[in-house]
Protein backbone atom coordinates (compact mmCIF):
# COMPACT_ATOMS: atom_id res chain seq x y z
CA MET A 1 -2.66 9.42 -7.45
CA PRO A 2 0.06 7.38 -5.71
CA HIS A 3 -0.78 5.33 -2.66
CA THR A 4 0.97 5.60 0.71
CA LYS A 5 4.44 4.11 0.49
CA GLY A 6 5.96 1.54 2.78
CA ASN A 7 4.86 -1.92 3.81
CA TRP A 8 1.18 -2.10 4.68
CA LYS A 9 0.22 -4.35 7.58
CA ILE A 10 -2.50 -4.91 10.13
CA GLY A 11 -1.96 -2.51 13.02
CA LYS A 12 -1.85 -3.12 16.76
CA ASN A 13 -5.56 -3.89 16.72
CA THR A 14 -7.15 -5.87 13.89
CA GLY A 15 -9.45 -2.99 13.00
CA CYS A 16 -6.81 -0.92 11.21
CA VAL A 17 -4.13 -1.06 8.53
CA VAL A 18 -0.90 0.92 8.90
CA SER A 19 2.23 1.68 6.92
CA ASP A 20 5.87 1.76 7.98
CA ASP A 21 6.51 4.63 5.51
CA LEU A 22 9.60 6.57 6.56
CA SER A 23 9.31 9.33 3.93
CA GLN A 24 8.37 11.83 6.64
CA GLN A 25 11.81 11.57 8.22
CA THR A 26 13.94 14.64 8.65
CA PRO A 27 17.63 14.60 7.64
CA LYS A 28 18.50 14.29 11.37
CA ASP A 29 16.28 11.17 11.61
CA VAL A 30 17.99 9.61 8.59
CA ILE A 31 21.46 10.24 9.99
CA SER A 32 20.54 8.89 13.43
CA GLY A 33 18.64 5.94 11.98
CA HIS A 34 15.50 6.75 13.97
CA ALA A 35 12.06 7.26 12.47
CA PRO A 36 10.00 10.16 13.82
CA LYS A 37 7.59 9.03 16.54
CA THR A 38 4.00 10.19 16.33
CA PRO A 39 0.96 9.50 18.51
CA GLU A 40 -0.31 7.36 15.60
CA ASP A 41 2.72 5.08 15.88
CA ASP A 42 1.98 4.26 19.51
CA TYR A 43 -1.79 3.92 19.18
CA TYR A 44 -2.09 2.18 15.79
CA GLY A 45 1.37 0.65 15.41
CA GLY A 46 2.38 2.76 12.40
CA LEU A 47 1.12 5.45 10.05
CA LEU A 48 -2.64 4.96 9.69
CA ILE A 49 -3.95 3.90 6.26
CA CYS A 50 -7.50 3.07 7.37
CA GLU A 51 -9.48 2.08 10.42
CA SER A 52 -12.90 0.74 11.41
CA ILE A 53 -12.28 -2.49 9.50
CA ARG A 54 -14.82 -5.06 10.63
CA THR A 55 -13.13 -8.37 9.78
CA ILE A 56 -9.59 -9.71 9.79
CA SER A 57 -10.15 -10.91 6.20
CA ASP A 58 -10.91 -7.34 5.09
CA ALA A 59 -7.85 -6.04 6.95
CA LYS A 60 -5.63 -8.64 5.26
CA LEU A 61 -7.00 -7.72 1.83
CA ILE A 62 -6.50 -3.98 2.40
CA ALA A 63 -2.97 -4.54 3.75
CA ALA A 64 -2.13 -6.60 0.64
CA ALA A 65 -3.40 -3.94 -1.81
CA PRO A 66 0.02 -2.52 -2.83
CA VAL A 67 1.42 -6.02 -3.47
CA LEU A 68 -1.69 -7.05 -5.40
CA LEU A 69 -1.51 -3.87 -7.50
CA GLU A 70 2.11 -4.57 -8.46
CA ALA A 71 1.26 -8.19 -9.32
CA LEU A 72 -1.58 -7.03 -11.55
CA LYS A 73 0.68 -4.51 -13.29
CA ASP A 74 3.26 -7.28 -13.88
CA LEU A 75 0.58 -9.55 -15.34
CA VAL A 76 -0.69 -6.82 -17.65
CA ARG A 77 2.88 -6.10 -18.81
CA TYR A 78 3.46 -9.80 -19.48
CA CYS A 79 0.21 -10.12 -21.45
CA THR A 80 0.96 -6.96 -23.41
CA ASP A 81 4.50 -8.12 -24.22
CA ASN A 82 3.14 -11.49 -25.38
CA ASP A 83 0.35 -10.01 -27.50
CA THR A 84 -2.54 -11.71 -25.72
CA GLY A 85 -5.08 -9.34 -27.20
CA ALA A 86 -6.99 -6.12 -26.84
CA GLU A 87 -9.09 -7.44 -23.92
CA LEU A 88 -6.36 -6.15 -21.59
CA SER A 89 -7.03 -2.50 -22.44
CA ALA A 90 -9.87 -2.32 -19.90
CA ALA A 91 -7.59 -3.71 -17.16
CA ILE A 92 -4.85 -1.23 -18.07
CA ASP A 93 -7.32 1.67 -18.02
CA ALA A 94 -8.64 0.56 -14.61
CA ILE A 95 -5.11 0.40 -13.18
CA ASN A 96 -4.28 3.84 -14.57
CA GLN A 97 -7.46 5.38 -13.15
CA VAL A 98 -6.66 4.09 -9.66
CA THR A 99 -2.97 4.94 -9.65
CA GLU A 100 -2.78 8.29 -11.42
């Protein structure tokens, strides 16, 4: 299952994480260069990923999830390419379970 695209960031209030995903644009939006405006955009500061986050540390970690996932995938590829051993199979399986 793919995650929401776009850059994830802390929203207008620290209790939410939003995305700047523009995949919901219409062809008219693309031509004009304007993203569609939704009530979410004004209230949260983007497309809502999650809310009711209690601490800024949790919000930062959630917002960094797509970047951390890509870094982990890169590390697993590096280790696989350099034959570091079968201990990586559990990490690869965990990544696949989360992302498929």
